[in-house]
Amino acid sequence: MKRLGFGFMRLPLIDPDDPTSINKEELKELIDIYMKNGFNYFDTAHVYHKGVSEKIIKELIVDKYPRDEYIIADKLPIFNINSKDQMETIFQEQLDRLGVNYIDYYMIHNASTRHQEKIDKFQAYEFIKHLKDKGYVKHIGISCHDGPEFIEETLKKHPEIEFIQLQINYLDWNNKTIDAKGCYDVACKYEKPVIVMEPIKGGTLINVPDDVKKLFKSTNPDKSLASWALDFDLNLDNVFMILSGMNTKKQLEDNIHTTETFKKLTQKQLDIIKKAAKLIGRSHEIPCTFCGYCLDGCPEHINIPKYFDLYNTNKILENNHAIMYYENYTSDHPKPSACIECGNCMEICPQRINIIEQLKNVTKTFN
């Protein structure tokens, strides 16, 4: 199995403000190129693109390619579960949306301390194991944004877990909050293969400060910033899949080239990546990955990821025009100051960002 997975969380859109407006023609071309090059792993979730992500897999992959030529990974949205019966209902809905009779890799979505009460109450692990026993899923695991302690406790208690999906990139590797290295080490300790999500941190590792760009380009002028990020994860021996949300042909072809030509990193290359992480860390204030989970729960319809992106861009890059973009966008969209501090966004944020306070910082910066 080739190690580049196609993430279906950030698909090309016709309308940037409508996550359901997937550009089917562009996506079809990307899928065909991806499959033609021998890659076949597609990752989706019940909530991605408000449910359209799963449906588009049926339309552009399931209805076109033989079932044994592609691999589907999907997730049980434990954060949206309110009864035991609902797990069965949602899983059946996922099968219907996808147009398949089994899912290859199925995981509890965002297994974490925050959702542990629901996981226990509705016996989520017993449920996904039942699905495997019945042949409805091939492999069971968890997608996790929690720390090493939670992962250790979970893997110790649930040996039936076959794999774990973790956020791993060179910026988060030694981050005190995310501690990607600590999480990876626990997975290795329990011999659980790892699927990597956010290898480029939602594009953050492409939109880096100028001194980081110069550092990488002076080392290898022909190598892209994204390829440095992918190389870091490809270098980890216990990683069997790396997900990337590729929404342009250029991104896809670059990632394919990086994966196909990868060679183990030298100590010099690792030192350069470590230095880059330190430089980015000094200026990167809000660790948002633009997953968009916060959007559905916001009663004021504030585009939180958009404002955090503008804020970070304003802090990191010179001559970034962020203020102009902010003024244009807020002319016909709710401003960050419209926040009523309900806390819905903070309940679901995988990065555990204090969104309420950071929206105040955005307002203060741009106003």
Protein backbone atom coordinates (compact mmCIF):
# COMPACT_ATOMS: atom_id res chain seq x y z
CA MET A 1 0.00 0.00 0.00
CA LYS A 2 1.44 3.37 -1.01
CA ARG A 3 1.62 5.80 1.90
CA LEU A 4 -0.11 8.89 0.49
CA GLY A 5 -3.80 9.00 1.43
CA PHE A 6 -6.36 11.32 -0.15
CA GLY A 7 -8.11 13.32 2.58
CA PHE A 8 -11.69 14.29 1.75
CA MET A 9 -12.02 17.08 4.34
CA ARG A 10 -10.78 19.97 2.19
CA LEU A 11 -12.08 19.31 -1.31
CA PRO A 12 -12.08 21.90 -4.14
CA LEU A 13 -15.14 24.14 -3.93
CA ILE A 14 -17.14 26.21 -6.38
CA ASP A 15 -18.17 28.60 -3.59
CA PRO A 16 -15.51 29.00 -0.85
CA ASP A 17 -18.24 29.86 1.67
CA ASP A 18 -20.33 26.75 0.92
CA PRO A 19 -18.62 23.49 1.98
CA THR A 20 -21.25 21.46 0.08
CA SER A 21 -20.41 23.08 -3.29
CA ILE A 22 -17.72 20.56 -4.27
CA ASN A 23 -16.24 21.12 -7.71
CA LYS A 24 -16.86 17.66 -9.14
CA GLU A 25 -14.97 18.18 -12.39
CA GLU A 26 -11.80 19.28 -10.62
CA LEU A 27 -12.08 16.53 -8.01
CA LYS A 28 -12.71 13.87 -10.67
CA GLU A 29 -9.47 14.83 -12.41
CA LEU A 30 -7.55 14.67 -9.12
CA ILE A 31 -8.98 11.24 -8.24
CA ASP A 32 -8.14 9.83 -11.66
CA ILE A 33 -4.54 11.09 -11.48
CA TYR A 34 -4.19 9.74 -7.95
CA MET A 35 -5.54 6.29 -8.88
CA LYS A 36 -3.56 6.14 -12.13
CA ASN A 37 -0.36 6.53 -10.11
CA GLY A 38 -1.17 3.52 -7.95
CA PHE A 39 -2.59 5.29 -4.88
CA ASN A 40 -5.95 4.16 -3.53
CA TYR A 41 -6.64 5.26 0.08
CA PHE A 42 -9.52 7.71 0.65
CA ASP A 43 -10.32 9.18 4.07
CA THR A 44 -13.68 10.73 4.85
CA ALA A 45 -16.03 11.33 7.78
CA HIS A 46 -19.74 11.75 8.45
CA VAL A 47 -19.34 15.49 9.08
CA TYR A 48 -16.90 16.43 6.29
CA HIS A 49 -18.41 18.92 3.86
CA LYS A 50 -21.68 18.54 5.78
CA GLY A 51 -22.08 14.96 4.63
CA VAL A 52 -21.33 15.55 0.95
CA SER A 53 -17.79 14.15 1.31
CA GLU A 54 -19.12 10.60 1.74
CA LYS A 55 -21.64 11.01 -1.08
CA ILE A 56 -19.02 12.24 -3.54
CA ILE A 57 -16.94 9.11 -2.90
CA LYS A 58 -19.86 7.03 -4.17
CA GLU A 59 -20.33 9.20 -7.22
CA LEU A 60 -16.70 9.58 -8.31
CA ILE A 61 -15.03 6.43 -6.95
CA VAL A 62 -17.45 3.65 -5.97
CA ASP A 63 -19.57 3.96 -9.11
CA LYS A 64 -16.48 3.99 -11.33
CA TYR A 65 -13.84 1.67 -9.92
CA PRO A 66 -14.00 -2.02 -8.84
CA ARG A 67 -14.33 -2.41 -5.05
CA ASP A 68 -10.95 -4.10 -4.66
CA GLU A 69 -9.13 -1.16 -6.27
CA TYR A 70 -9.74 1.42 -3.53
CA ILE A 71 -9.66 1.65 0.26
CA ILE A 72 -12.17 3.71 2.26
CA ALA A 73 -11.59 5.04 5.76
CA ASP A 74 -14.53 6.54 7.65
CA LYS A 75 -15.37 7.52 11.21
CA LEU A 76 -18.08 7.24 13.86
CA PRO A 77 -18.86 10.85 14.93
CA ILE A 78 -19.00 10.16 18.67
CA PHE A 79 -19.34 13.87 19.40
CA ASN A 80 -22.73 13.86 17.64
CA ILE A 81 -24.03 10.63 19.19
CA ASN A 82 -26.86 10.94 21.71
CA SER A 83 -28.03 7.34 21.98
CA LYS A 84 -26.77 3.81 21.44
CA ASP A 85 -29.21 3.21 18.59
CA GLN A 86 -27.96 6.33 16.81
CA MET A 87 -24.57 4.70 16.20
CA GLU A 88 -26.25 1.99 14.13
CA THR A 89 -28.38 4.56 12.30
CA ILE A 90 -25.38 6.71 11.39
CA PHE A 91 -23.28 3.74 10.30
CA GLN A 92 -26.05 2.54 7.99
CA GLU A 93 -26.34 6.06 6.63
CA GLN A 94 -22.60 6.04 5.94
CA LEU A 95 -22.84 2.76 4.02
CA ASP A 96 -25.72 4.20 2.00
CA ARG A 97 -23.91 7.46 1.27
CA LEU A 98 -20.76 5.61 0.22
CA GLY A 99 -22.65 2.96 -1.76
CA VAL A 100 -20.63 0.09 -0.28
CA ASN A 101 -21.40 -2.92 1.92
CA TYR A 102 -18.25 -2.63 4.01
CA ILE A 103 -15.70 -0.01 5.08
CA ASP A 104 -11.99 -0.85 5.13
CA TYR A 105 -10.84 1.32 8.05
CA TYR A 106 -13.39 2.52 10.61
CA MET A 107 -12.55 4.57 13.66
CA ILE A 108 -14.08 6.48 16.52
CA HIS A 109 -13.80 10.10 15.45
CA ASN A 110 -11.93 12.35 17.88
CA ALA A 111 -11.67 9.83 20.70
CA SER A 112 -10.63 12.01 23.64
CA THR A 113 -11.07 12.79 27.30
CA ARG A 114 -13.78 15.24 26.29
CA HIS A 115 -15.86 12.51 24.64
CA GLN A 116 -14.95 9.58 26.88
CA GLU A 117 -18.22 9.75 28.81
CA LYS A 118 -20.18 9.20 25.57
CA ILE A 119 -17.79 6.49 24.40
CA ASP A 120 -18.37 4.56 27.64
CA LYS A 121 -22.07 5.29 27.95
CA PHE A 122 -22.93 4.11 24.45
CA GLN A 123 -20.28 1.33 24.36
CA ALA A 124 -18.66 2.67 21.20
CA TYR A 125 -15.74 0.24 21.25
CA GLU A 126 -18.07 -2.72 21.57
CA PHE A 127 -20.07 -1.30 18.66
CA ILE A 128 -17.18 -0.96 16.22
CA LYS A 129 -15.86 -4.39 17.24
CA HIS A 130 -19.31 -5.82 16.50
CA LEU A 131 -19.16 -4.22 13.05
CA LYS A 132 -15.81 -5.89 12.42
CA ASP A 133 -17.03 -9.28 13.66
CA LYS A 134 -19.98 -9.05 11.27
CA GLY A 135 -17.74 -8.08 8.33
CA TYR A 136 -19.09 -4.57 7.91
CA VAL A 137 -15.63 -3.09 8.56
CA LYS A 138 -12.20 -4.63 8.01
CA HIS A 139 -10.10 -2.75 10.59
CA ILE A 140 -11.05 -0.71 13.67
CA GLY A 141 -9.19 2.13 15.32
CA ILE A 142 -9.41 5.66 16.66
CA SER A 143 -8.79 9.16 15.39
CA CYS A 144 -7.33 11.12 18.27
CA HIS A 145 -6.44 14.72 19.12
CA ASP A 146 -5.71 14.09 22.80
CA GLY A 147 -2.41 13.63 24.66
CA PRO A 148 -0.09 10.68 25.32
CA GLU A 149 -1.68 9.89 28.70
CA PHE A 150 -5.14 9.45 27.19
CA ILE A 151 -3.76 7.34 24.34
CA GLU A 152 -1.81 5.15 26.76
CA GLU A 153 -4.90 4.54 28.89
CA THR A 154 -7.06 3.82 25.85
CA LEU A 155 -4.69 1.42 24.12
CA LYS A 156 -4.04 -0.41 27.37
CA LYS A 157 -7.77 -0.82 28.01
CA HIS A 158 -8.73 -1.64 24.41
CA PRO A 159 -6.27 -4.03 22.75
CA GLU A 160 -8.84 -4.56 20.00
CA ILE A 161 -7.79 -1.20 18.53
CA GLU A 162 -5.71 -2.02 15.45
CA PHE A 163 -4.45 1.42 14.44
CA ILE A 164 -4.51 5.05 15.50
CA GLN A 165 -4.85 8.25 13.46
CA LEU A 166 -2.78 11.11 14.89
CA GLN A 167 -1.97 14.70 14.05
CA ILE A 168 1.75 14.62 13.30
CA ASN A 169 3.85 17.28 11.62
CA TYR A 170 7.21 18.83 12.33
CA LEU A 171 5.68 21.90 13.99
CA ASP A 172 3.59 19.86 16.44
CA TRP A 173 6.27 17.22 17.07
CA ASN A 174 7.59 18.95 20.20
CA ASN A 175 4.60 21.23 20.81
CA LYS A 176 3.76 21.18 24.53
CA THR A 177 0.00 21.14 23.93
CA ILE A 178 -0.27 18.64 21.08
CA ASP A 179 2.90 16.61 21.84
CA ALA A 180 2.83 14.68 18.58
CA LYS A 181 6.08 12.91 19.47
CA GLY A 182 4.67 11.70 22.78
CA CYS A 183 1.52 10.41 21.09
CA TYR A 184 3.53 8.66 18.38
CA ASP A 185 5.82 7.05 20.95
CA VAL A 186 2.84 5.58 22.81
CA ALA A 187 1.46 4.14 19.57
CA CYS A 188 4.85 2.54 18.92
CA LYS A 189 4.97 1.17 22.46
CA TYR A 190 1.68 -0.68 21.87
CA GLU A 191 2.70 -1.63 18.32
CA LYS A 192 -0.22 0.22 16.74
CA PRO A 193 0.47 1.45 13.19
CA VAL A 194 -0.17 5.16 12.68
CA ILE A 195 -2.14 7.10 10.11
CA VAL A 196 -0.99 10.71 9.97
CA MET A 197 -3.45 13.59 9.63
CA GLU A 198 -2.50 17.26 9.24
CA PRO A 199 1.02 16.61 7.88
CA ILE A 200 1.08 20.16 6.52
CA LYS A 201 -1.10 21.48 9.37
CA GLY A 202 -3.92 22.68 7.15
CA GLY A 203 -1.51 24.60 4.91
CA THR A 204 0.27 26.33 7.77
CA LEU A 205 3.59 24.73 6.83
CA ILE A 206 3.34 26.27 3.37
CA ASN A 207 2.46 29.77 4.59
CA VAL A 208 5.62 30.12 6.65
CA PRO A 209 7.72 33.18 7.55
CA ASP A 210 10.23 34.39 4.99
CA ASP A 211 13.23 33.26 7.04
CA VAL A 212 11.88 29.69 7.01
CA LYS A 213 11.39 29.81 3.24
CA LYS A 214 14.98 30.98 2.83
CA LEU A 215 16.23 28.23 5.12
CA PHE A 216 14.58 25.48 3.09
CA LYS A 217 15.37 27.00 -0.32
CA SER A 218 19.03 27.50 0.54
CA THR A 219 19.23 23.79 1.34
CA ASN A 220 17.36 22.55 -1.74
CA PRO A 221 15.98 25.23 -4.09
CA ASP A 222 13.94 22.69 -6.08
CA LYS A 223 12.12 21.16 -3.11
CA SER A 224 8.67 22.48 -2.14
CA LEU A 225 7.72 23.50 1.37
CA ALA A 226 5.01 20.83 1.39
CA SER A 227 7.52 18.13 0.48
CA TRP A 228 9.68 19.01 3.50
CA ALA A 229 6.62 18.51 5.70
CA LEU A 230 5.66 15.21 4.06
CA ASP A 231 9.25 13.95 4.28
CA PHE A 232 9.18 14.43 8.05
CA ASP A 233 6.23 12.04 8.38
CA LEU A 234 7.47 9.61 5.72
CA ASN A 235 10.63 9.32 7.81
CA LEU A 236 8.68 7.78 10.71
CA ASP A 237 8.90 3.99 10.53
CA ASN A 238 5.58 3.25 12.25
CA VAL A 239 3.54 5.44 9.87
CA PHE A 240 1.67 3.44 7.24
CA MET A 241 -0.46 6.22 5.76
CA ILE A 242 -0.22 10.01 5.47
CA LEU A 243 -3.40 11.93 4.67
CA SER A 244 -3.29 15.08 2.62
CA GLY A 245 -6.21 17.27 1.60
CA MET A 246 -5.12 17.84 -1.98
CA ASN A 247 -7.47 20.22 -3.79
CA THR A 248 -5.32 21.27 -6.76
CA LYS A 249 -3.47 19.31 -9.44
CA LYS A 250 -0.22 21.00 -8.46
CA GLN A 251 -0.55 19.89 -4.82
CA LEU A 252 -1.42 16.35 -5.85
CA GLU A 253 1.45 15.96 -8.29
CA ASP A 254 3.94 17.43 -5.82
CA ASN A 255 2.78 15.05 -3.08
CA ILE A 256 2.94 12.06 -5.42
CA HIS A 257 6.46 13.00 -6.46
CA THR A 258 7.53 13.46 -2.83
CA THR A 259 6.12 10.09 -1.80
CA GLU A 260 7.54 8.20 -4.77
CA THR A 261 11.06 9.67 -4.47
CA PHE A 262 11.37 9.71 -0.67
CA LYS A 263 14.66 8.67 0.92
CA LYS A 264 15.39 8.48 4.63
CA LEU A 265 16.32 11.91 5.96
CA THR A 266 19.87 12.67 6.96
CA GLN A 267 20.69 14.20 10.33
CA LYS A 268 21.45 17.48 8.57
CA GLN A 269 17.97 17.52 7.01
CA LEU A 270 16.36 16.70 10.36
CA ASP A 271 18.29 19.56 11.98
CA ILE A 272 17.04 21.98 9.29
CA ILE A 273 13.43 20.89 9.89
CA LYS A 274 13.90 21.29 13.65
CA LYS A 275 15.27 24.81 13.13
CA ALA A 276 12.33 25.66 10.87
CA ALA A 277 9.88 24.52 13.55
CA LYS A 278 11.50 26.83 16.09
CA LEU A 279 11.36 29.79 13.71
CA ILE A 280 7.68 29.20 12.87
CA GLY A 281 6.82 28.65 16.53
CA ARG A 282 8.03 32.13 17.42
CA SER A 283 5.47 33.77 15.16
CA HIS A 284 2.63 31.24 14.86
CA GLU A 285 0.14 32.38 17.50
CA ILE A 286 -3.09 30.45 16.84
CA PRO A 287 -2.60 26.70 16.11
CA CYS A 288 -5.70 26.41 13.93
CA THR A 289 -5.64 23.70 11.22
CA PHE A 290 -8.81 24.98 9.48
CA CYS A 291 -10.71 21.71 9.98
CA GLY A 292 -13.93 23.71 10.26
CA TYR A 293 -15.48 21.69 13.08
CA CYS A 294 -16.27 24.94 14.91
CA LEU A 295 -18.43 26.31 12.11
CA ASP A 296 -21.57 24.21 12.48
CA GLY A 297 -22.02 25.05 16.15
CA CYS A 298 -21.63 28.82 15.84
CA PRO A 299 -25.05 30.51 16.18
CA GLU A 300 -23.61 33.74 14.74
CA HIS A 301 -22.10 31.98 11.69
CA ILE A 302 -18.66 33.45 12.27
CA ASN A 303 -16.02 32.05 9.92
CA ILE A 304 -13.58 31.33 12.73
CA PRO A 305 -10.88 29.54 10.66
CA LYS A 306 -10.90 32.36 8.12
CA TYR A 307 -10.22 34.99 10.79
CA PHE A 308 -7.53 32.89 12.45
CA ASP A 309 -5.82 32.44 9.10
CA LEU A 310 -5.83 36.19 8.49
CA TYR A 311 -4.54 36.81 12.01
CA ASN A 312 -1.65 34.37 11.65
CA THR A 313 -0.83 35.64 8.18
CA ASN A 314 -0.68 39.18 9.52
CA LYS A 315 1.72 38.05 12.25
CA ILE A 316 3.94 35.83 10.10
CA LEU A 317 4.30 37.31 6.63
CA GLU A 318 5.52 40.67 5.44
CA ASN A 319 3.41 42.61 2.91
CA ASN A 320 0.55 40.17 3.42
CA HIS A 321 -2.45 42.47 2.76
CA ALA A 322 -4.30 40.72 5.59
CA ILE A 323 -5.96 43.93 6.76
CA MET A 324 -7.36 44.56 3.28
CA TYR A 325 -8.70 41.01 3.09
CA TYR A 326 -10.21 41.39 6.56
CA GLU A 327 -12.00 44.60 5.65
CA ASN A 328 -13.32 43.15 2.41
CA TYR A 329 -14.53 39.96 4.04
CA THR A 330 -16.21 41.62 7.02
CA SER A 331 -18.13 43.96 4.74
CA ASP A 332 -20.67 41.21 4.10
CA HIS A 333 -19.87 38.48 6.68
CA PRO A 334 -20.29 38.35 10.47
CA LYS A 335 -17.32 39.91 12.25
CA PRO A 336 -15.38 38.14 15.02
CA SER A 337 -16.81 40.72 17.41
CA ALA A 338 -20.24 39.13 16.83
CA CYS A 339 -19.18 36.27 19.14
CA ILE A 340 -21.68 35.77 22.01
CA GLU A 341 -19.26 33.53 23.95
CA CYS A 342 -21.57 30.50 23.95
CA GLY A 343 -18.57 28.16 23.92
CA ASN A 344 -19.96 25.72 21.32
CA CYS A 345 -16.85 26.09 19.18
CA MET A 346 -14.47 25.39 22.05
CA GLU A 347 -16.31 22.18 22.93
CA ILE A 348 -15.52 20.65 19.56
CA CYS A 349 -12.14 22.21 18.62
CA PRO A 350 -9.58 19.37 18.25
CA GLN A 351 -6.71 21.79 18.88
CA ARG A 352 -8.20 22.95 22.19
CA ILE A 353 -7.89 26.60 21.18
CA ASN A 354 -9.39 29.26 23.43
CA ILE A 355 -11.45 30.50 20.50
CA ILE A 356 -13.41 33.11 22.43
CA GLU A 357 -10.25 34.90 23.57
CA GLN A 358 -8.56 34.55 20.21
CA LEU A 359 -11.53 36.12 18.42
CA LYS A 360 -11.09 39.09 20.74
CA ASN A 361 -7.43 39.24 19.71
CA VAL A 362 -8.43 39.18 16.05
CA THR A 363 -10.85 42.05 16.60
CA LYS A 364 -8.24 44.04 18.50
CA THR A 365 -5.60 43.46 15.81
CA PHE A 366 -7.68 44.42 12.78
CA ASN A 367 -9.82 47.14 14.32
